[in-house]
Amino acid sequence: MSLPIAKILACIRHAGPYLAIELILPGGSLVALILWLLRNRPAVQRSLARVRSRARNAAQFVTVLDPPTASTL
């Protein structure tokens, strides 16, 4: 079996239970999303930390470009 096909099959095996929940239960999309987030908590937390860091850097950059003036305070 080639590598791309093996990766696709692994993704399907990983997503299978979540897809089944999504299709069977009413509101299954939310249930599947919550279960996925709980199961993948460390990866989600790392991603959120990266996003927060980038947002903080962007906010600092904007403040440097456009410092508040006396009229806007």
N, C-alpha and C. Protein backbone atom coordinates (compact mmCIF):
# COMPACT_ATOMS: atom_id res chain seq x y z
N MET A 1 0.86 -1.18 0.00
CA MET A 1 0.00 0.00 0.00
C MET A 1 0.90 1.23 0.00
N SER A 2 0.57 2.21 -0.81
CA SER A 2 1.41 3.40 -0.90
C SER A 2 1.19 4.30 0.31
N LEU A 3 2.13 5.18 0.54
CA LEU A 3 2.11 6.06 1.70
C LEU A 3 0.90 6.99 1.74
N PRO A 4 0.54 7.67 0.62
CA PRO A 4 -0.64 8.55 0.68
C PRO A 4 -1.93 7.79 1.02
N ILE A 5 -2.08 6.60 0.48
CA ILE A 5 -3.29 5.82 0.76
C ILE A 5 -3.31 5.41 2.23
N ALA A 6 -2.16 5.05 2.76
CA ALA A 6 -2.08 4.66 4.17
C ALA A 6 -2.44 5.84 5.07
N LYS A 7 -1.99 7.05 4.71
CA LYS A 7 -2.33 8.24 5.50
C LYS A 7 -3.82 8.53 5.45
N ILE A 8 -4.41 8.38 4.29
CA ILE A 8 -5.85 8.62 4.14
C ILE A 8 -6.64 7.62 4.99
N LEU A 9 -6.25 6.34 4.93
CA LEU A 9 -6.93 5.33 5.72
C LEU A 9 -6.77 5.58 7.23
N ALA A 10 -5.61 6.04 7.64
CA ALA A 10 -5.39 6.36 9.05
C ALA A 10 -6.29 7.51 9.49
N CYS A 11 -6.44 8.52 8.65
CA CYS A 11 -7.33 9.64 8.96
C CYS A 11 -8.78 9.19 9.06
N ILE A 12 -9.18 8.32 8.17
CA ILE A 12 -10.56 7.81 8.20
C ILE A 12 -10.78 7.00 9.47
N ARG A 13 -9.80 6.17 9.86
CA ARG A 13 -9.93 5.38 11.09
C ARG A 13 -10.02 6.28 12.32
N HIS A 14 -9.25 7.36 12.30
CA HIS A 14 -9.25 8.29 13.43
C HIS A 14 -10.56 9.07 13.50
N ALA A 15 -11.11 9.48 12.37
CA ALA A 15 -12.32 10.30 12.33
C ALA A 15 -13.60 9.48 12.37
N GLY A 16 -13.51 8.19 12.15
CA GLY A 16 -14.70 7.34 12.06
C GLY A 16 -15.68 7.46 13.21
N PRO A 17 -15.22 7.32 14.46
CA PRO A 17 -16.17 7.42 15.57
C PRO A 17 -16.86 8.79 15.65
N TYR A 18 -16.10 9.84 15.34
CA TYR A 18 -16.66 11.19 15.39
C TYR A 18 -17.70 11.38 14.29
N LEU A 19 -17.42 10.83 13.12
CA LEU A 19 -18.39 10.92 12.02
C LEU A 19 -19.66 10.15 12.34
N ALA A 20 -19.51 9.00 12.97
CA ALA A 20 -20.68 8.20 13.34
C ALA A 20 -21.54 8.95 14.35
N ILE A 21 -20.91 9.55 15.36
CA ILE A 21 -21.65 10.34 16.35
C ILE A 21 -22.37 11.48 15.66
N GLU A 22 -21.68 12.13 14.75
CA GLU A 22 -22.25 13.28 14.05
C GLU A 22 -23.49 12.89 13.25
N LEU A 23 -23.45 11.73 12.63
CA LEU A 23 -24.58 11.30 11.80
C LEU A 23 -25.74 10.73 12.61
N ILE A 24 -25.45 10.06 13.71
CA ILE A 24 -26.49 9.34 14.44
C ILE A 24 -27.24 10.23 15.44
N LEU A 25 -26.51 11.05 16.20
CA LEU A 25 -27.14 11.83 17.26
C LEU A 25 -27.68 13.17 16.76
N PRO A 26 -28.82 13.61 17.30
CA PRO A 26 -29.23 14.99 17.02
C PRO A 26 -28.27 15.92 17.74
N GLY A 27 -27.81 16.92 17.04
CA GLY A 27 -26.79 17.80 17.61
C GLY A 27 -25.44 17.11 17.68
N GLY A 28 -25.28 16.09 16.87
CA GLY A 28 -24.07 15.28 16.91
C GLY A 28 -22.81 16.03 16.54
N SER A 29 -22.94 17.07 15.76
CA SER A 29 -21.75 17.86 15.38
C SER A 29 -21.12 18.48 16.61
N LEU A 30 -21.95 19.04 17.48
CA LEU A 30 -21.42 19.65 18.70
C LEU A 30 -20.84 18.60 19.64
N VAL A 31 -21.53 17.48 19.77
CA VAL A 31 -21.04 16.41 20.64
C VAL A 31 -19.71 15.88 20.11
N ALA A 32 -19.62 15.65 18.82
CA ALA A 32 -18.38 15.14 18.23
C ALA A 32 -17.24 16.16 18.40
N LEU A 33 -17.55 17.44 18.22
CA LEU A 33 -16.52 18.47 18.38
C LEU A 33 -16.03 18.52 19.82
N ILE A 34 -16.94 18.47 20.78
CA ILE A 34 -16.55 18.50 22.19
C ILE A 34 -15.70 17.28 22.55
N LEU A 35 -16.11 16.10 22.08
CA LEU A 35 -15.32 14.90 22.34
C LEU A 35 -13.93 14.98 21.73
N TRP A 36 -13.86 15.50 20.51
CA TRP A 36 -12.56 15.63 19.84
C TRP A 36 -11.68 16.61 20.61
N LEU A 37 -12.26 17.74 21.04
CA LEU A 37 -11.47 18.73 21.79
C LEU A 37 -10.96 18.15 23.11
N LEU A 38 -11.81 17.39 23.79
CA LEU A 38 -11.39 16.78 25.06
C LEU A 38 -10.29 15.74 24.83
N ARG A 39 -10.42 14.98 23.78
CA ARG A 39 -9.44 13.92 23.50
C ARG A 39 -8.11 14.48 23.02
N ASN A 40 -8.15 15.62 22.35
CA ASN A 40 -6.93 16.23 21.79
C ASN A 40 -6.56 17.50 22.53
N ARG A 41 -6.83 17.55 23.82
CA ARG A 41 -6.62 18.77 24.61
C ARG A 41 -5.20 19.33 24.53
N PRO A 42 -4.13 18.54 24.66
CA PRO A 42 -2.78 19.12 24.61
C PRO A 42 -2.49 19.81 23.27
N ALA A 43 -2.89 19.21 22.18
CA ALA A 43 -2.64 19.81 20.87
C ALA A 43 -3.45 21.09 20.71
N VAL A 44 -4.69 21.08 21.19
CA VAL A 44 -5.55 22.26 21.10
C VAL A 44 -4.97 23.40 21.95
N GLN A 45 -4.49 23.08 23.14
CA GLN A 45 -3.92 24.10 24.01
C GLN A 45 -2.66 24.71 23.40
N ARG A 46 -1.83 23.89 22.75
CA ARG A 46 -0.64 24.43 22.09
C ARG A 46 -1.03 25.37 20.96
N SER A 47 -2.05 24.98 20.20
CA SER A 47 -2.50 25.84 19.09
C SER A 47 -3.06 27.15 19.61
N LEU A 48 -3.87 27.09 20.66
CA LEU A 48 -4.43 28.31 21.24
C LEU A 48 -3.35 29.22 21.80
N ALA A 49 -2.32 28.64 22.40
CA ALA A 49 -1.22 29.44 22.93
C ALA A 49 -0.50 30.17 21.80
N ARG A 50 -0.32 29.48 20.67
CA ARG A 50 0.31 30.13 19.51
C ARG A 50 -0.54 31.27 18.99
N VAL A 51 -1.86 31.06 18.92
CA VAL A 51 -2.76 32.09 18.42
C VAL A 51 -2.74 33.30 19.36
N ARG A 52 -2.79 33.04 20.68
CA ARG A 52 -2.76 34.15 21.64
C ARG A 52 -1.46 34.93 21.54
N SER A 53 -0.35 34.23 21.38
CA SER A 53 0.95 34.89 21.27
C SER A 53 1.01 35.78 20.03
N ARG A 54 0.51 35.26 18.92
CA ARG A 54 0.52 36.05 17.68
C ARG A 54 -0.41 37.25 17.79
N ALA A 55 -1.55 37.07 18.45
CA ALA A 55 -2.49 38.20 18.62
C ALA A 55 -1.86 39.26 19.52
N ARG A 56 -1.19 38.84 20.57
CA ARG A 56 -0.53 39.79 21.47
C ARG A 56 0.56 40.55 20.72
N ASN A 57 1.35 39.85 19.90
CA ASN A 57 2.40 40.51 19.11
C ASN A 57 1.79 41.49 18.12
N ALA A 58 0.69 41.11 17.50
CA ALA A 58 0.04 42.01 16.53
C ALA A 58 -0.50 43.24 17.24
N ALA A 59 -1.07 43.07 18.43
CA ALA A 59 -1.60 44.21 19.17
C ALA A 59 -0.48 45.15 19.57
N GLN A 60 0.66 44.61 19.97
CA GLN A 60 1.81 45.45 20.33
C GLN A 60 2.32 46.19 19.10
N PHE A 61 2.34 45.53 17.97
CA PHE A 61 2.80 46.14 16.73
C PHE A 61 1.89 47.31 16.34
N VAL A 62 0.58 47.13 16.45
CA VAL A 62 -0.37 48.18 16.11
C VAL A 62 -0.21 49.35 17.06
N THR A 63 0.01 49.06 18.35
CA THR A 63 0.19 50.14 19.33
C THR A 63 1.43 50.94 19.01
N VAL A 64 2.49 50.29 18.55
CA VAL A 64 3.72 51.00 18.18
C VAL A 64 3.47 51.88 16.97
N LEU A 65 2.70 51.39 16.01
CA LEU A 65 2.43 52.17 14.81
C LEU A 65 1.49 53.33 15.07
N ASP A 66 0.52 53.15 15.97
CA ASP A 66 -0.48 54.17 16.21
C ASP A 66 -0.65 54.36 17.72
N PRO A 67 0.30 55.06 18.36
CA PRO A 67 0.18 55.24 19.81
C PRO A 67 -1.03 56.11 20.15
N PRO A 68 -1.65 55.88 21.30
CA PRO A 68 -2.80 56.70 21.67
C PRO A 68 -2.40 58.16 21.89
N THR A 69 -3.27 59.05 21.50
CA THR A 69 -3.02 60.48 21.69
C THR A 69 -3.88 60.98 22.82
N ALA A 70 -3.66 62.22 23.23
CA ALA A 70 -4.40 62.81 24.36
C ALA A 70 -5.90 62.87 24.03
N SER A 71 -6.25 63.07 22.76
CA SER A 71 -7.66 63.19 22.40
C SER A 71 -8.39 61.85 22.42
N THR A 72 -7.65 60.73 22.27
CA THR A 72 -8.31 59.43 22.26
C THR A 72 -8.33 58.79 23.64
N LEU A 73 -7.62 59.36 24.60
CA LEU A 73 -7.63 58.80 25.95
C LEU A 73 -8.79 59.28 26.67
